[in-house]
Amino acid sequence: MKHNGLDHFAIAVKDTEAALKIWRDTMGFPLLYSEVVNDGAVRLTHLDLGNTQLQLVEPLVEGHPLNQWIADHGGAGLHHVCLNVDDVEASMKESPVPTAPKPHQGTKGKKAVFLDASATAGCIWELTGK
């Protein structure tokens, strides 16, 4: 499957502001932008790491799967790694492992889709692009 390298890696968090105190204020990673996607269900906040980005992913609604993921993992933690692709839907067809049935809304108007973690040694991978 063709890709254009690492787009970002994501940390699931309960509280973006608390996480920013670590990653922006203590570690010094500049804040790029923050936006709410998926009809208000998730806040995505991106910080600049030079050659890639750190994405903080905060669930904003009760019952969101990320809430359960955070609980299952004992709190905030590395959630996924994301590759940049030219065309998400074409990449879904070309993917050597199963993907979610349809793309979801990513940041900056991009599409995104998760690969099946059971087919990737338990690691969650995402593809993002047009």
N, C-alpha and C. Protein backbone atom coordinates (compact mmCIF):
# COMPACT_ATOMS: atom_id res chain seq x y z
N MET A 1 0.85 -1.18 0.00
CA MET A 1 0.00 0.00 0.00
C MET A 1 0.90 1.24 0.00
N LYS A 2 0.67 2.13 -0.94
CA LYS A 2 1.46 3.35 -1.06
C LYS A 2 1.03 4.35 0.01
N HIS A 3 2.03 4.98 0.64
CA HIS A 3 1.75 6.05 1.61
C HIS A 3 2.84 7.10 1.49
N ASN A 4 2.62 8.24 2.12
CA ASN A 4 3.55 9.36 2.04
C ASN A 4 4.25 9.61 3.37
N GLY A 5 4.32 8.60 4.22
CA GLY A 5 5.01 8.74 5.50
C GLY A 5 4.06 9.02 6.65
N LEU A 6 4.66 9.24 7.79
CA LEU A 6 3.92 9.46 9.03
C LEU A 6 3.22 10.81 9.01
N ASP A 7 1.93 10.81 9.30
CA ASP A 7 1.18 12.06 9.42
C ASP A 7 1.20 12.53 10.87
N HIS A 8 0.87 11.62 11.79
CA HIS A 8 0.87 11.95 13.22
C HIS A 8 0.81 10.68 14.05
N PHE A 9 1.07 10.84 15.34
CA PHE A 9 0.73 9.79 16.28
C PHE A 9 -0.18 10.43 17.31
N ALA A 10 -1.08 9.63 17.87
CA ALA A 10 -2.15 10.19 18.69
C ALA A 10 -2.15 9.62 20.10
N ILE A 11 -2.41 10.50 21.05
CA ILE A 11 -2.58 10.12 22.44
C ILE A 11 -4.02 10.40 22.82
N ALA A 12 -4.71 9.38 23.31
CA ALA A 12 -6.08 9.55 23.81
C ALA A 12 -5.99 10.17 25.20
N VAL A 13 -6.76 11.24 25.42
CA VAL A 13 -6.72 11.96 26.70
C VAL A 13 -8.14 12.21 27.21
N LYS A 14 -8.26 12.37 28.51
CA LYS A 14 -9.54 12.74 29.12
C LYS A 14 -9.74 14.24 29.09
N ASP A 15 -8.63 15.00 29.15
CA ASP A 15 -8.68 16.45 29.30
C ASP A 15 -7.57 17.08 28.47
N THR A 16 -7.94 17.72 27.37
CA THR A 16 -6.95 18.33 26.49
C THR A 16 -6.14 19.39 27.21
N GLU A 17 -6.78 20.23 28.00
CA GLU A 17 -6.05 21.31 28.68
C GLU A 17 -4.98 20.75 29.62
N ALA A 18 -5.30 19.69 30.35
CA ALA A 18 -4.31 19.06 31.23
C ALA A 18 -3.17 18.47 30.40
N ALA A 19 -3.49 17.86 29.27
CA ALA A 19 -2.46 17.28 28.41
C ALA A 19 -1.58 18.37 27.81
N LEU A 20 -2.17 19.52 27.47
CA LEU A 20 -1.38 20.62 26.91
C LEU A 20 -0.36 21.14 27.92
N LYS A 21 -0.66 21.06 29.20
CA LYS A 21 0.31 21.49 30.22
C LYS A 21 1.57 20.64 30.14
N ILE A 22 1.42 19.38 29.77
CA ILE A 22 2.59 18.51 29.61
C ILE A 22 3.28 18.77 28.28
N TRP A 23 2.54 18.59 27.19
CA TRP A 23 3.14 18.57 25.86
C TRP A 23 3.51 19.95 25.32
N ARG A 24 2.70 20.96 25.58
CA ARG A 24 3.00 22.32 25.11
C ARG A 24 3.86 23.06 26.12
N ASP A 25 3.37 23.11 27.37
CA ASP A 25 4.01 23.96 28.37
C ASP A 25 5.32 23.37 28.91
N THR A 26 5.34 22.08 29.21
CA THR A 26 6.54 21.47 29.77
C THR A 26 7.52 21.02 28.69
N MET A 27 7.01 20.31 27.69
CA MET A 27 7.88 19.78 26.64
C MET A 27 8.21 20.80 25.55
N GLY A 28 7.40 21.86 25.45
CA GLY A 28 7.69 22.93 24.51
C GLY A 28 7.26 22.69 23.07
N PHE A 29 6.33 21.74 22.85
CA PHE A 29 5.85 21.49 21.49
C PHE A 29 4.81 22.55 21.13
N PRO A 30 5.03 23.31 20.06
CA PRO A 30 4.10 24.38 19.69
C PRO A 30 2.72 23.84 19.28
N LEU A 31 1.69 24.53 19.75
CA LEU A 31 0.32 24.21 19.38
C LEU A 31 0.08 24.67 17.94
N LEU A 32 -0.41 23.76 17.10
CA LEU A 32 -0.74 24.11 15.72
C LEU A 32 -2.20 24.50 15.58
N TYR A 33 -3.10 23.64 16.04
CA TYR A 33 -4.53 23.93 15.96
C TYR A 33 -5.30 22.90 16.77
N SER A 34 -6.56 23.24 17.03
CA SER A 34 -7.48 22.34 17.71
C SER A 34 -8.83 22.49 17.04
N GLU A 35 -9.50 21.37 16.83
CA GLU A 35 -10.84 21.44 16.25
C GLU A 35 -11.70 20.29 16.76
N VAL A 36 -12.99 20.53 16.75
CA VAL A 36 -13.96 19.52 17.16
C VAL A 36 -14.55 18.91 15.90
N VAL A 37 -14.56 17.57 15.83
CA VAL A 37 -15.03 16.86 14.64
C VAL A 37 -16.08 15.83 15.03
N ASN A 38 -16.58 15.15 14.02
CA ASN A 38 -17.58 14.08 14.20
C ASN A 38 -18.79 14.56 14.99
N ASP A 39 -19.37 15.66 14.51
CA ASP A 39 -20.59 16.22 15.11
C ASP A 39 -20.43 16.52 16.60
N GLY A 40 -19.26 17.03 16.97
CA GLY A 40 -19.03 17.44 18.35
C GLY A 40 -18.61 16.32 19.28
N ALA A 41 -18.28 15.15 18.74
CA ALA A 41 -17.96 14.00 19.58
C ALA A 41 -16.51 13.94 20.04
N VAL A 42 -15.60 14.56 19.27
CA VAL A 42 -14.17 14.43 19.55
C VAL A 42 -13.45 15.75 19.30
N ARG A 43 -12.53 16.09 20.22
CA ARG A 43 -11.65 17.24 20.00
C ARG A 43 -10.28 16.70 19.58
N LEU A 44 -9.75 17.21 18.46
CA LEU A 44 -8.44 16.84 17.97
C LEU A 44 -7.53 18.05 18.07
N THR A 45 -6.44 17.93 18.79
CA THR A 45 -5.51 19.03 18.99
C THR A 45 -4.14 18.59 18.49
N HIS A 46 -3.56 19.38 17.60
CA HIS A 46 -2.28 19.02 16.99
C HIS A 46 -1.16 19.92 17.48
N LEU A 47 -0.04 19.28 17.81
CA LEU A 47 1.18 19.98 18.22
C LEU A 47 2.29 19.63 17.24
N ASP A 48 3.21 20.58 17.04
CA ASP A 48 4.29 20.42 16.07
C ASP A 48 5.50 19.76 16.72
N LEU A 49 5.94 18.65 16.13
CA LEU A 49 7.14 17.97 16.59
C LEU A 49 8.26 18.06 15.56
N GLY A 50 8.15 18.98 14.64
CA GLY A 50 9.17 19.14 13.61
C GLY A 50 8.83 18.34 12.37
N ASN A 51 9.20 17.06 12.34
CA ASN A 51 8.94 16.25 11.15
C ASN A 51 7.63 15.47 11.21
N THR A 52 6.88 15.61 12.29
CA THR A 52 5.55 15.00 12.39
C THR A 52 4.73 15.79 13.41
N GLN A 53 3.55 15.30 13.71
CA GLN A 53 2.69 15.98 14.67
C GLN A 53 2.22 15.01 15.75
N LEU A 54 1.98 15.56 16.92
CA LEU A 54 1.35 14.84 18.02
C LEU A 54 -0.11 15.28 18.03
N GLN A 55 -1.01 14.33 18.03
CA GLN A 55 -2.45 14.63 18.08
C GLN A 55 -2.98 14.19 19.43
N LEU A 56 -3.63 15.10 20.14
CA LEU A 56 -4.34 14.76 21.37
C LEU A 56 -5.79 14.52 20.98
N VAL A 57 -6.33 13.37 21.37
CA VAL A 57 -7.69 12.98 21.00
C VAL A 57 -8.52 12.91 22.27
N GLU A 58 -9.50 13.81 22.40
CA GLU A 58 -10.34 13.85 23.59
C GLU A 58 -11.80 13.56 23.23
N PRO A 59 -12.38 12.49 23.80
CA PRO A 59 -13.81 12.26 23.58
C PRO A 59 -14.62 13.30 24.34
N LEU A 60 -15.65 13.84 23.69
CA LEU A 60 -16.45 14.92 24.30
C LEU A 60 -17.85 14.48 24.68
N VAL A 61 -18.23 13.27 24.33
CA VAL A 61 -19.58 12.79 24.64
C VAL A 61 -19.49 11.47 25.40
N GLU A 62 -20.44 11.29 26.31
CA GLU A 62 -20.51 10.02 27.03
C GLU A 62 -20.82 8.90 26.04
N GLY A 63 -20.28 7.74 26.31
CA GLY A 63 -20.54 6.60 25.46
C GLY A 63 -19.64 6.50 24.25
N HIS A 64 -18.76 7.49 24.04
CA HIS A 64 -17.84 7.41 22.90
C HIS A 64 -16.84 6.28 23.16
N PRO A 65 -16.49 5.50 22.13
CA PRO A 65 -15.56 4.38 22.32
C PRO A 65 -14.22 4.77 22.95
N LEU A 66 -13.77 6.00 22.74
CA LEU A 66 -12.51 6.43 23.34
C LEU A 66 -12.59 6.48 24.86
N ASN A 67 -13.76 6.78 25.41
CA ASN A 67 -13.90 6.75 26.87
C ASN A 67 -13.59 5.36 27.40
N GLN A 68 -14.11 4.34 26.74
CA GLN A 68 -13.86 2.97 27.17
C GLN A 68 -12.39 2.60 26.96
N TRP A 69 -11.81 3.04 25.86
CA TRP A 69 -10.40 2.76 25.59
C TRP A 69 -9.53 3.35 26.70
N ILE A 70 -9.80 4.60 27.09
CA ILE A 70 -9.03 5.25 28.16
C ILE A 70 -9.20 4.49 29.47
N ALA A 71 -10.43 4.09 29.78
CA ALA A 71 -10.68 3.32 31.01
C ALA A 71 -9.96 1.97 30.97
N ASP A 72 -10.03 1.29 29.85
CA ASP A 72 -9.39 -0.02 29.71
C ASP A 72 -7.87 0.04 29.84
N HIS A 73 -7.29 1.19 29.49
CA HIS A 73 -5.84 1.34 29.51
C HIS A 73 -5.34 2.11 30.73
N GLY A 74 -6.21 2.34 31.69
CA GLY A 74 -5.79 3.00 32.93
C GLY A 74 -5.49 4.48 32.79
N GLY A 75 -6.06 5.11 31.79
CA GLY A 75 -5.87 6.55 31.60
C GLY A 75 -5.34 6.85 30.21
N ALA A 76 -4.86 8.07 30.06
CA ALA A 76 -4.35 8.54 28.77
C ALA A 76 -3.20 7.66 28.29
N GLY A 77 -3.05 7.59 26.97
CA GLY A 77 -1.94 6.82 26.42
C GLY A 77 -1.91 6.84 24.91
N LEU A 78 -0.83 6.29 24.37
CA LEU A 78 -0.68 6.22 22.92
C LEU A 78 -1.83 5.42 22.32
N HIS A 79 -2.57 6.03 21.42
CA HIS A 79 -3.75 5.40 20.84
C HIS A 79 -3.49 4.84 19.45
N HIS A 80 -2.92 5.66 18.55
CA HIS A 80 -2.69 5.18 17.19
C HIS A 80 -1.57 5.94 16.50
N VAL A 81 -1.14 5.35 15.39
CA VAL A 81 -0.16 5.95 14.50
C VAL A 81 -0.86 6.13 13.16
N CYS A 82 -0.65 7.27 12.52
CA CYS A 82 -1.38 7.60 11.29
C CYS A 82 -0.42 7.86 10.12
N LEU A 83 -0.73 7.22 9.00
CA LEU A 83 0.01 7.43 7.76
C LEU A 83 -0.76 8.36 6.84
N ASN A 84 -0.04 9.20 6.12
CA ASN A 84 -0.65 10.08 5.13
C ASN A 84 -0.72 9.33 3.80
N VAL A 85 -1.89 9.37 3.17
CA VAL A 85 -2.08 8.75 1.85
C VAL A 85 -2.72 9.78 0.92
N ASP A 86 -2.57 9.56 -0.37
CA ASP A 86 -3.17 10.49 -1.35
C ASP A 86 -4.68 10.38 -1.38
N ASP A 87 -5.19 9.16 -1.30
CA ASP A 87 -6.62 8.90 -1.48
C ASP A 87 -7.05 7.82 -0.49
N VAL A 88 -7.81 8.20 0.53
CA VAL A 88 -8.20 7.27 1.58
C VAL A 88 -9.02 6.11 1.01
N GLU A 89 -10.01 6.41 0.20
CA GLU A 89 -10.88 5.34 -0.31
C GLU A 89 -10.12 4.37 -1.22
N ALA A 90 -9.22 4.87 -2.04
CA ALA A 90 -8.39 3.98 -2.87
C ALA A 90 -7.48 3.14 -1.98
N SER A 91 -6.93 3.75 -0.94
CA SER A 91 -6.06 3.02 -0.02
C SER A 91 -6.82 1.94 0.74
N MET A 92 -8.09 2.20 1.04
CA MET A 92 -8.91 1.18 1.69
C MET A 92 -9.01 -0.07 0.81
N LYS A 93 -9.18 0.15 -0.49
CA LYS A 93 -9.29 -0.97 -1.42
C LYS A 93 -7.96 -1.71 -1.59
N GLU A 94 -6.85 -0.96 -1.52
CA GLU A 94 -5.52 -1.53 -1.71
C GLU A 94 -4.94 -2.13 -0.43
N SER A 95 -5.51 -1.80 0.71
CA SER A 95 -4.93 -2.20 1.99
C SER A 95 -4.82 -3.73 2.09
N PRO A 96 -3.65 -4.21 2.52
CA PRO A 96 -3.49 -5.65 2.69
C PRO A 96 -4.18 -6.19 3.94
N VAL A 97 -4.67 -5.29 4.79
CA VAL A 97 -5.42 -5.70 5.99
C VAL A 97 -6.78 -5.02 5.97
N PRO A 98 -7.77 -5.59 6.65
CA PRO A 98 -9.11 -4.98 6.66
C PRO A 98 -9.10 -3.58 7.29
N THR A 99 -10.02 -2.76 6.81
CA THR A 99 -10.21 -1.41 7.36
C THR A 99 -11.63 -1.30 7.90
N ALA A 100 -11.90 -0.19 8.58
CA ALA A 100 -13.28 0.12 8.95
C ALA A 100 -14.09 0.20 7.66
N PRO A 101 -15.41 -0.03 7.73
CA PRO A 101 -16.21 -0.07 6.50
C PRO A 101 -16.27 1.24 5.74
N LYS A 102 -16.14 2.38 6.44
CA LYS A 102 -16.18 3.66 5.74
C LYS A 102 -15.29 4.66 6.47
N PRO A 103 -14.80 5.68 5.75
CA PRO A 103 -13.96 6.70 6.39
C PRO A 103 -14.75 7.56 7.37
N HIS A 104 -14.02 8.17 8.30
CA HIS A 104 -14.61 9.14 9.21
C HIS A 104 -13.95 10.50 8.97
N GLN A 105 -14.49 11.53 9.58
CA GLN A 105 -13.97 12.88 9.41
C GLN A 105 -12.68 13.04 10.20
N GLY A 106 -11.62 13.45 9.51
CA GLY A 106 -10.36 13.77 10.15
C GLY A 106 -10.25 15.28 10.32
N THR A 107 -9.04 15.76 10.54
CA THR A 107 -8.84 17.19 10.70
C THR A 107 -8.68 17.88 9.35
N LYS A 108 -8.92 19.18 9.37
CA LYS A 108 -8.72 20.03 8.20
C LYS A 108 -9.45 19.52 6.96
N GLY A 109 -10.63 18.92 7.17
CA GLY A 109 -11.44 18.45 6.07
C GLY A 109 -10.97 17.15 5.43
N LYS A 110 -9.96 16.52 6.00
CA LYS A 110 -9.47 15.26 5.45
C LYS A 110 -10.37 14.10 5.86
N LYS A 111 -10.28 13.02 5.10
CA LYS A 111 -10.92 11.76 5.47
C LYS A 111 -9.90 10.94 6.24
N ALA A 112 -10.39 9.98 7.03
CA ALA A 112 -9.50 9.08 7.75
C ALA A 112 -10.21 7.74 7.94
N VAL A 113 -9.42 6.68 8.08
CA VAL A 113 -9.98 5.35 8.32
C VAL A 113 -8.98 4.56 9.16
N PHE A 114 -9.51 3.74 10.06
CA PHE A 114 -8.66 2.88 10.88
C PHE A 114 -8.52 1.51 10.25
N LEU A 115 -7.33 0.94 10.40
CA LEU A 115 -7.09 -0.45 10.00
C LEU A 115 -7.50 -1.34 11.16
N ASP A 116 -7.81 -2.58 10.87
CA ASP A 116 -8.21 -3.55 11.88
C ASP A 116 -6.99 -3.92 12.73
N ALA A 117 -7.00 -3.53 14.01
CA ALA A 117 -5.86 -3.76 14.89
C ALA A 117 -5.55 -5.24 15.09
N SER A 118 -6.54 -6.10 14.93
CA SER A 118 -6.28 -7.53 15.09
C SER A 118 -5.40 -8.07 13.96
N ALA A 119 -5.32 -7.33 12.86
CA ALA A 119 -4.49 -7.73 11.73
C ALA A 119 -3.14 -7.02 11.71
N THR A 120 -2.90 -6.14 12.69
CA THR A 120 -1.66 -5.36 12.73
C THR A 120 -0.97 -5.52 14.08
N ALA A 121 -0.95 -6.75 14.59
CA ALA A 121 -0.25 -7.09 15.84
C ALA A 121 -0.74 -6.27 17.02
N GLY A 122 -2.03 -5.91 17.00
CA GLY A 122 -2.62 -5.18 18.12
C GLY A 122 -2.38 -3.69 18.11
N CYS A 123 -1.66 -3.19 17.11
CA CYS A 123 -1.39 -1.75 17.00
C CYS A 123 -2.51 -1.10 16.18
N ILE A 124 -2.97 0.06 16.62
CA ILE A 124 -4.00 0.78 15.88
C ILE A 124 -3.31 1.70 14.87
N TRP A 125 -3.63 1.51 13.59
CA TRP A 125 -3.11 2.34 12.51
C TRP A 125 -4.27 3.06 11.85
N GLU A 126 -4.01 4.28 11.42
CA GLU A 126 -4.99 5.10 10.72
C GLU A 126 -4.37 5.58 9.42
N LEU A 127 -5.21 5.77 8.41
CA LEU A 127 -4.81 6.39 7.15
C LEU A 127 -5.56 7.70 7.03
N THR A 128 -4.90 8.75 6.57
CA THR A 128 -5.58 10.03 6.37
C THR A 128 -5.15 10.65 5.06
N GLY A 129 -6.06 11.40 4.45
CA GLY A 129 -5.79 12.08 3.19
C GLY A 129 -7.09 12.56 2.58
N LYS A 130 -7.08 12.77 1.27
CA LYS A 130 -8.28 13.24 0.58
C LYS A 130 -9.23 12.10 0.31
